[in-house]
Every structure is written in C-alpha cells, then in structure tokens.
Amino acid sequence: MKTKPVLCNADVKAILDAAQIFALQQKWAVTISVVDDGGHLLGLVRLDDAAPISAQISPAKARTAALGRRESKIYEDTINGGRYSFLSAPGLEGMLEGGVPIIVDATVVGAVGVSGVKSNEDVEIALAGIAALNL
C-alpha cells in the first residue's frame, strides 16, 4: 500500500492567510479556495467587495486543478486553441486560469483556486498562498 502526504487544517489556514495577505497588499478583492486532492473544499475566504460569483468560480478552479493534476489554465488554453469538445469534460467546471495544484514530493495533494481579478493575478495570489507551505 502506498502512502501520500495530505493537507491538514494548519496547511489550509497557512495557505488562505498568506494568499489573503498578498491579495490585500495588492488591493485585490477576490475569493480564495483550497481543496484536497479529490477536489473537496477545505477552506474558502471571500474578501470584502469580491463579486458574489467569485465564491463559485474560485472553488471550481481549484477543483479542476486538483482533479486534472495541472493548472486550470491548461484547459482554458486547450479550449481557446479550438478543442471546444473539451467543454463537455465531466466534473470540470472551472476551466479558467486561476487554479494551481499543490504538489508535494511529485504528488498533487490539493489545489488553490482564486477568482476576482485578472487571471494571471489570480495565479499570483494562489502561488503566494502555496508558498506559505515552504515546499
């Protein structure tokens, strides 16, 4: 039987706190989500003035990154490249840039999804959160 690392509550809190601090420093109103490797929501924070829809988009981006084991941007690029049939992929609703997997020892243990600003800025926030784990 294999063993694998998993996110604990302290990890989720560290990610959310670091991502929130980074977003606030930039004055970006976003929603930040953390999911486990199965795409299950472990934590979410919606900053003041973040659009209500971002609370749905953020966990969807995270879920897509966790289940796909890659950044959600890859799916957006695939679709924008003309492979529209990918829109019917089951279980993937957040095929937009802003979902970043959390990788520990070559294993995806979860993902962070951010929604509310430009997609590349969403990624910056997600990476700032992941950096708090000192991987």
N, C-alpha and C. Protein backbone atom coordinates (compact mmCIF):
# COMPACT_ATOMS: atom_id res chain seq x y z
N MET A 1 0.83 -1.17 0.00
CA MET A 1 0.00 0.00 0.00
C MET A 1 0.89 1.24 0.00
N LYS A 2 0.51 2.22 -0.78
CA LYS A 2 1.27 3.46 -0.85
C LYS A 2 0.81 4.43 0.24
N THR A 3 1.71 5.30 0.59
CA THR A 3 1.35 6.39 1.49
C THR A 3 1.56 7.69 0.74
N LYS A 4 0.86 8.73 1.17
CA LYS A 4 0.99 10.01 0.49
C LYS A 4 0.79 11.14 1.49
N PRO A 5 1.39 12.29 1.19
CA PRO A 5 1.16 13.45 2.04
C PRO A 5 -0.26 13.97 1.83
N VAL A 6 -0.82 14.58 2.86
CA VAL A 6 -2.15 15.19 2.76
C VAL A 6 -2.12 16.56 3.44
N LEU A 7 -3.00 17.42 3.01
CA LEU A 7 -3.13 18.73 3.63
C LEU A 7 -3.84 18.59 4.98
N CYS A 8 -3.35 19.31 5.97
CA CYS A 8 -4.04 19.34 7.27
C CYS A 8 -4.63 20.74 7.46
N ASN A 9 -5.43 20.90 8.50
CA ASN A 9 -6.08 22.18 8.74
C ASN A 9 -5.08 23.33 8.85
N ALA A 10 -3.95 23.08 9.51
CA ALA A 10 -2.93 24.13 9.65
C ALA A 10 -2.39 24.55 8.28
N ASP A 11 -2.24 23.61 7.35
CA ASP A 11 -1.79 23.93 6.00
C ASP A 11 -2.81 24.82 5.29
N VAL A 12 -4.06 24.45 5.39
CA VAL A 12 -5.13 25.21 4.74
C VAL A 12 -5.16 26.63 5.28
N LYS A 13 -5.07 26.76 6.58
CA LYS A 13 -5.07 28.09 7.21
C LYS A 13 -3.86 28.90 6.74
N ALA A 14 -2.69 28.30 6.69
CA ALA A 14 -1.49 29.00 6.24
C ALA A 14 -1.64 29.48 4.80
N ILE A 15 -2.17 28.63 3.94
CA ILE A 15 -2.38 29.00 2.53
C ILE A 15 -3.35 30.17 2.42
N LEU A 16 -4.49 30.04 3.08
CA LEU A 16 -5.50 31.09 3.00
C LEU A 16 -4.99 32.41 3.57
N ASP A 17 -4.29 32.34 4.70
CA ASP A 17 -3.76 33.56 5.33
C ASP A 17 -2.75 34.25 4.43
N ALA A 18 -1.80 33.49 3.88
CA ALA A 18 -0.77 34.08 3.02
C ALA A 18 -1.37 34.64 1.74
N ALA A 19 -2.30 33.92 1.15
CA ALA A 19 -2.94 34.38 -0.08
C ALA A 19 -3.75 35.65 0.19
N GLN A 20 -4.45 35.66 1.31
CA GLN A 20 -5.25 36.83 1.67
C GLN A 20 -4.37 38.05 1.90
N ILE A 21 -3.29 37.88 2.62
CA ILE A 21 -2.37 39.00 2.87
C ILE A 21 -1.84 39.55 1.55
N PHE A 22 -1.43 38.65 0.65
CA PHE A 22 -0.92 39.10 -0.66
C PHE A 22 -1.99 39.87 -1.42
N ALA A 23 -3.21 39.34 -1.47
CA ALA A 23 -4.30 39.99 -2.20
C ALA A 23 -4.61 41.36 -1.60
N LEU A 24 -4.64 41.44 -0.29
CA LEU A 24 -4.93 42.72 0.37
C LEU A 24 -3.83 43.75 0.10
N GLN A 25 -2.58 43.31 0.06
CA GLN A 25 -1.47 44.22 -0.25
C GLN A 25 -1.63 44.82 -1.64
N GLN A 26 -2.19 44.03 -2.54
CA GLN A 26 -2.39 44.50 -3.92
C GLN A 26 -3.71 45.26 -4.08
N LYS A 27 -4.54 45.23 -3.01
CA LYS A 27 -5.88 45.83 -3.05
C LYS A 27 -6.79 45.11 -4.05
N TRP A 28 -6.67 43.78 -4.06
CA TRP A 28 -7.48 42.95 -4.95
C TRP A 28 -8.58 42.26 -4.15
N ALA A 29 -9.82 42.46 -4.56
CA ALA A 29 -10.97 41.82 -3.92
C ALA A 29 -11.24 40.49 -4.61
N VAL A 30 -10.93 39.40 -3.94
CA VAL A 30 -11.02 38.07 -4.54
C VAL A 30 -11.62 37.07 -3.55
N THR A 31 -11.94 35.91 -4.08
CA THR A 31 -12.25 34.75 -3.27
C THR A 31 -11.15 33.73 -3.49
N ILE A 32 -10.70 33.12 -2.38
CA ILE A 32 -9.61 32.14 -2.40
C ILE A 32 -10.14 30.83 -1.84
N SER A 33 -9.88 29.75 -2.54
CA SER A 33 -10.34 28.42 -2.11
C SER A 33 -9.19 27.43 -2.08
N VAL A 34 -9.27 26.50 -1.13
CA VAL A 34 -8.32 25.38 -1.05
C VAL A 34 -9.12 24.10 -1.07
N VAL A 35 -8.71 23.16 -1.90
CA VAL A 35 -9.36 21.84 -1.97
C VAL A 35 -8.32 20.75 -1.75
N ASP A 36 -8.79 19.56 -1.41
CA ASP A 36 -7.89 18.41 -1.28
C ASP A 36 -7.68 17.77 -2.65
N ASP A 37 -6.98 16.66 -2.70
CA ASP A 37 -6.65 16.03 -3.98
C ASP A 37 -7.86 15.47 -4.72
N GLY A 38 -8.97 15.32 -4.03
CA GLY A 38 -10.20 14.87 -4.66
C GLY A 38 -11.12 16.02 -5.06
N GLY A 39 -10.64 17.26 -4.85
CA GLY A 39 -11.43 18.42 -5.22
C GLY A 39 -12.43 18.87 -4.17
N HIS A 40 -12.35 18.29 -2.97
CA HIS A 40 -13.29 18.64 -1.90
C HIS A 40 -12.84 19.91 -1.19
N LEU A 41 -13.76 20.83 -0.99
CA LEU A 41 -13.44 22.13 -0.40
C LEU A 41 -12.99 21.98 1.04
N LEU A 42 -11.81 22.52 1.34
CA LEU A 42 -11.27 22.51 2.70
C LEU A 42 -11.33 23.88 3.35
N GLY A 43 -11.31 24.93 2.53
CA GLY A 43 -11.37 26.28 3.08
C GLY A 43 -11.63 27.29 1.98
N LEU A 44 -12.30 28.39 2.37
CA LEU A 44 -12.63 29.44 1.43
C LEU A 44 -12.69 30.75 2.19
N VAL A 45 -12.15 31.81 1.58
CA VAL A 45 -12.29 33.15 2.14
C VAL A 45 -12.66 34.09 1.00
N ARG A 46 -13.73 34.85 1.23
CA ARG A 46 -14.17 35.85 0.24
C ARG A 46 -13.89 37.22 0.85
N LEU A 47 -12.98 37.94 0.24
CA LEU A 47 -12.59 39.25 0.75
C LEU A 47 -13.70 40.27 0.51
N ASP A 48 -13.68 41.32 1.31
CA ASP A 48 -14.66 42.40 1.16
C ASP A 48 -14.66 42.90 -0.28
N ASP A 49 -15.84 43.14 -0.80
CA ASP A 49 -16.06 43.67 -2.14
C ASP A 49 -15.80 42.69 -3.27
N ALA A 50 -15.46 41.44 -2.96
CA ALA A 50 -15.32 40.44 -4.02
C ALA A 50 -16.70 40.13 -4.59
N ALA A 51 -16.78 39.96 -5.88
CA ALA A 51 -18.06 39.65 -6.52
C ALA A 51 -18.63 38.34 -5.98
N PRO A 52 -19.92 38.28 -5.72
CA PRO A 52 -20.52 37.04 -5.20
C PRO A 52 -20.23 35.81 -6.06
N ILE A 53 -20.20 35.97 -7.39
CA ILE A 53 -19.95 34.82 -8.27
C ILE A 53 -18.56 34.24 -8.05
N SER A 54 -17.63 35.05 -7.55
CA SER A 54 -16.27 34.54 -7.33
C SER A 54 -16.25 33.42 -6.29
N ALA A 55 -17.25 33.38 -5.42
CA ALA A 55 -17.34 32.31 -4.42
C ALA A 55 -17.74 30.98 -5.05
N GLN A 56 -18.20 31.01 -6.27
CA GLN A 56 -18.48 29.77 -7.01
C GLN A 56 -17.35 29.45 -7.98
N ILE A 57 -16.79 30.47 -8.58
CA ILE A 57 -15.73 30.25 -9.57
C ILE A 57 -14.44 29.78 -8.91
N SER A 58 -14.08 30.38 -7.78
CA SER A 58 -12.83 30.04 -7.10
C SER A 58 -12.72 28.55 -6.75
N PRO A 59 -13.69 27.95 -6.06
CA PRO A 59 -13.56 26.52 -5.77
C PRO A 59 -13.62 25.65 -7.03
N ALA A 60 -14.32 26.12 -8.06
CA ALA A 60 -14.37 25.34 -9.31
C ALA A 60 -13.00 25.30 -9.97
N LYS A 61 -12.28 26.43 -9.95
CA LYS A 61 -10.92 26.45 -10.50
C LYS A 61 -10.01 25.52 -9.70
N ALA A 62 -10.13 25.58 -8.37
CA ALA A 62 -9.30 24.72 -7.52
C ALA A 62 -9.60 23.25 -7.79
N ARG A 63 -10.87 22.90 -7.87
CA ARG A 63 -11.28 21.51 -8.11
C ARG A 63 -10.72 21.01 -9.45
N THR A 64 -10.80 21.85 -10.48
CA THR A 64 -10.28 21.48 -11.79
C THR A 64 -8.78 21.22 -11.73
N ALA A 65 -8.03 22.08 -11.01
CA ALA A 65 -6.58 21.90 -10.90
C ALA A 65 -6.25 20.63 -10.11
N ALA A 66 -7.02 20.35 -9.06
CA ALA A 66 -6.74 19.16 -8.25
C ALA A 66 -7.06 17.88 -9.03
N LEU A 67 -8.23 17.82 -9.63
CA LEU A 67 -8.64 16.61 -10.33
C LEU A 67 -7.83 16.38 -11.60
N GLY A 68 -7.46 17.47 -12.28
CA GLY A 68 -6.68 17.35 -13.51
C GLY A 68 -5.19 17.22 -13.28
N ARG A 69 -4.78 17.49 -12.03
CA ARG A 69 -3.36 17.39 -11.66
C ARG A 69 -2.47 18.36 -12.45
N ARG A 70 -3.07 19.50 -12.81
CA ARG A 70 -2.34 20.54 -13.55
C ARG A 70 -3.08 21.86 -13.39
N GLU A 71 -2.40 22.94 -13.75
CA GLU A 71 -3.04 24.25 -13.65
C GLU A 71 -4.28 24.30 -14.54
N SER A 72 -5.31 24.95 -14.05
CA SER A 72 -6.56 25.05 -14.80
C SER A 72 -6.38 25.81 -16.12
N LYS A 73 -5.35 26.63 -16.22
CA LYS A 73 -5.06 27.38 -17.44
C LYS A 73 -4.86 26.45 -18.64
N ILE A 74 -4.35 25.27 -18.40
CA ILE A 74 -4.12 24.33 -19.49
C ILE A 74 -5.43 23.99 -20.20
N TYR A 75 -6.50 23.85 -19.42
CA TYR A 75 -7.81 23.55 -20.02
C TYR A 75 -8.33 24.76 -20.80
N GLU A 76 -8.15 25.95 -20.22
CA GLU A 76 -8.59 27.16 -20.92
C GLU A 76 -7.84 27.29 -22.25
N ASP A 77 -6.54 27.07 -22.23
CA ASP A 77 -5.74 27.15 -23.46
C ASP A 77 -6.17 26.11 -24.49
N THR A 78 -6.50 24.91 -24.02
CA THR A 78 -6.95 23.85 -24.92
C THR A 78 -8.24 24.25 -25.63
N ILE A 79 -9.16 24.80 -24.87
CA ILE A 79 -10.44 25.23 -25.44
C ILE A 79 -10.23 26.42 -26.37
N ASN A 80 -9.44 27.39 -25.92
CA ASN A 80 -9.17 28.56 -26.77
C ASN A 80 -8.42 28.17 -28.04
N GLY A 81 -7.70 27.05 -27.99
CA GLY A 81 -6.99 26.55 -29.16
C GLY A 81 -7.89 25.85 -30.16
N GLY A 82 -9.17 25.75 -29.85
CA GLY A 82 -10.12 25.18 -30.79
C GLY A 82 -10.70 23.84 -30.42
N ARG A 83 -10.25 23.26 -29.33
CA ARG A 83 -10.79 21.95 -28.92
C ARG A 83 -12.02 22.18 -28.02
N TYR A 84 -13.09 22.64 -28.64
CA TYR A 84 -14.30 23.02 -27.92
C TYR A 84 -15.00 21.84 -27.27
N SER A 85 -14.78 20.66 -27.79
CA SER A 85 -15.41 19.48 -27.21
C SER A 85 -14.97 19.26 -25.76
N PHE A 86 -13.85 19.87 -25.38
CA PHE A 86 -13.37 19.73 -24.01
C PHE A 86 -14.32 20.38 -23.01
N LEU A 87 -15.20 21.26 -23.49
CA LEU A 87 -16.19 21.88 -22.61
C LEU A 87 -17.14 20.84 -22.01
N SER A 88 -17.21 19.67 -22.62
CA SER A 88 -18.09 18.61 -22.11
C SER A 88 -17.39 17.66 -21.15
N ALA A 89 -16.14 17.95 -20.79
CA ALA A 89 -15.40 17.07 -19.86
C ALA A 89 -16.16 16.98 -18.54
N PRO A 90 -16.45 15.77 -18.08
CA PRO A 90 -17.25 15.62 -16.86
C PRO A 90 -16.50 16.07 -15.62
N GLY A 91 -17.21 16.77 -14.74
CA GLY A 91 -16.66 17.14 -13.44
C GLY A 91 -15.74 18.34 -13.43
N LEU A 92 -15.48 18.93 -14.59
CA LEU A 92 -14.58 20.08 -14.64
C LEU A 92 -15.39 21.32 -15.03
N GLU A 93 -15.64 22.16 -14.05
CA GLU A 93 -16.44 23.36 -14.30
C GLU A 93 -15.58 24.62 -14.36
N GLY A 94 -14.42 24.58 -13.74
CA GLY A 94 -13.58 25.77 -13.64
C GLY A 94 -12.42 25.74 -14.59
N MET A 95 -12.70 25.63 -15.87
CA MET A 95 -11.62 25.53 -16.86
C MET A 95 -11.18 26.93 -17.29
N LEU A 96 -10.77 27.69 -16.26
CA LEU A 96 -10.28 29.05 -16.43
C LEU A 96 -8.98 29.19 -15.67
N GLU A 97 -8.09 30.05 -16.14
CA GLU A 97 -6.84 30.27 -15.42
C GLU A 97 -7.13 30.77 -14.01
N GLY A 98 -6.37 30.25 -13.04
CA GLY A 98 -6.53 30.68 -11.66
C GLY A 98 -6.58 29.53 -10.67
N GLY A 99 -6.51 28.30 -11.16
CA GLY A 99 -6.42 27.11 -10.32
C GLY A 99 -5.03 26.53 -10.40
N VAL A 100 -4.39 26.34 -9.23
CA VAL A 100 -2.99 25.89 -9.20
C VAL A 100 -2.88 24.67 -8.27
N PRO A 101 -2.35 23.55 -8.76
CA PRO A 101 -2.20 22.39 -7.89
C PRO A 101 -1.12 22.60 -6.84
N ILE A 102 -1.29 21.94 -5.71
CA ILE A 102 -0.28 21.92 -4.64
C ILE A 102 0.43 20.58 -4.76
N ILE A 103 1.73 20.62 -5.03
CA ILE A 103 2.48 19.39 -5.29
C ILE A 103 3.53 19.20 -4.21
N VAL A 104 3.49 18.02 -3.58
CA VAL A 104 4.44 17.65 -2.55
C VAL A 104 5.06 16.31 -2.94
N ASP A 105 6.37 16.27 -3.08
CA ASP A 105 7.06 15.03 -3.46
C ASP A 105 6.43 14.38 -4.69
N ALA A 106 6.22 15.19 -5.72
CA ALA A 106 5.66 14.74 -7.00
C ALA A 106 4.22 14.24 -6.90
N THR A 107 3.54 14.54 -5.79
CA THR A 107 2.16 14.12 -5.58
C THR A 107 1.27 15.35 -5.42
N VAL A 108 0.18 15.42 -6.18
CA VAL A 108 -0.78 16.51 -6.01
C VAL A 108 -1.60 16.21 -4.76
N VAL A 109 -1.51 17.12 -3.79
CA VAL A 109 -2.22 16.93 -2.51
C VAL A 109 -3.45 17.82 -2.42
N GLY A 110 -3.63 18.69 -3.39
CA GLY A 110 -4.76 19.60 -3.40
C GLY A 110 -4.50 20.70 -4.39
N ALA A 111 -5.27 21.80 -4.25
CA ALA A 111 -5.10 22.93 -5.16
C ALA A 111 -5.68 24.18 -4.53
N VAL A 112 -5.24 25.30 -5.07
CA VAL A 112 -5.77 26.61 -4.68
C VAL A 112 -6.42 27.22 -5.91
N GLY A 113 -7.59 27.78 -5.71
CA GLY A 113 -8.28 28.49 -6.78
C GLY A 113 -8.58 29.91 -6.33
N VAL A 114 -8.40 30.85 -7.22
CA VAL A 114 -8.66 32.26 -6.91
C VAL A 114 -9.49 32.86 -8.04
N SER A 115 -10.43 33.72 -7.66
CA SER A 115 -11.26 34.41 -8.64
C SER A 115 -11.53 35.83 -8.16
N GLY A 116 -11.46 36.77 -9.11
CA GLY A 116 -11.84 38.12 -8.77
C GLY A 116 -11.06 39.20 -9.47
N VAL A 117 -9.87 38.89 -9.95
CA VAL A 117 -9.07 39.87 -10.69
C VAL A 117 -8.65 39.23 -12.01
N LYS A 118 -7.69 39.82 -12.70
CA LYS A 118 -7.21 39.21 -13.94
C LYS A 118 -6.69 37.82 -13.65
N SER A 119 -6.85 36.92 -14.59
CA SER A 119 -6.49 35.52 -14.37
C SER A 119 -5.05 35.34 -13.92
N ASN A 120 -4.12 36.07 -14.55
CA ASN A 120 -2.72 35.92 -14.15
C ASN A 120 -2.50 36.45 -12.73
N GLU A 121 -3.29 37.42 -12.30
CA GLU A 121 -3.22 37.92 -10.93
C GLU A 121 -3.81 36.91 -9.96
N ASP A 122 -4.88 36.23 -10.38
CA ASP A 122 -5.44 35.13 -9.57
C ASP A 122 -4.35 34.10 -9.28
N VAL A 123 -3.57 33.77 -10.30
CA VAL A 123 -2.48 32.80 -10.15
C VAL A 123 -1.43 33.31 -9.18
N GLU A 124 -1.08 34.58 -9.26
CA GLU A 124 -0.11 35.17 -8.33
C GLU A 124 -0.56 34.97 -6.89
N ILE A 125 -1.83 35.18 -6.64
CA ILE A 125 -2.38 35.02 -5.28
C ILE A 125 -2.30 33.56 -4.86
N ALA A 126 -2.68 32.66 -5.75
CA ALA A 126 -2.62 31.23 -5.43
C ALA A 126 -1.20 30.80 -5.10
N LEU A 127 -0.25 31.26 -5.90
CA LEU A 127 1.16 30.90 -5.66
C LEU A 127 1.67 31.48 -4.35
N ALA A 128 1.22 32.68 -4.00
CA ALA A 128 1.61 33.27 -2.71
C ALA A 128 1.10 32.42 -1.56
N GLY A 129 -0.10 31.89 -1.70
CA GLY A 129 -0.65 31.01 -0.67
C GLY A 129 0.13 29.71 -0.56
N ILE A 130 0.40 29.09 -1.69
CA ILE A 130 1.15 27.83 -1.71
C ILE A 130 2.55 28.01 -1.13
N ALA A 131 3.15 29.17 -1.40
CA ALA A 131 4.50 29.45 -0.90
C ALA A 131 4.58 29.38 0.63
N ALA A 132 3.46 29.61 1.29
CA ALA A 132 3.45 29.56 2.76
C ALA A 132 3.76 28.16 3.30
N LEU A 133 3.64 27.15 2.45
CA LEU A 133 3.94 25.77 2.88
C LEU A 133 5.44 25.47 2.85
N ASN A 134 6.23 26.37 2.26
CA ASN A 134 7.69 26.19 2.18
C ASN A 134 8.06 24.84 1.56
N LEU A 135 7.47 24.53 0.44
CA LEU A 135 7.71 23.24 -0.20
C LEU A 135 9.03 23.20 -0.91
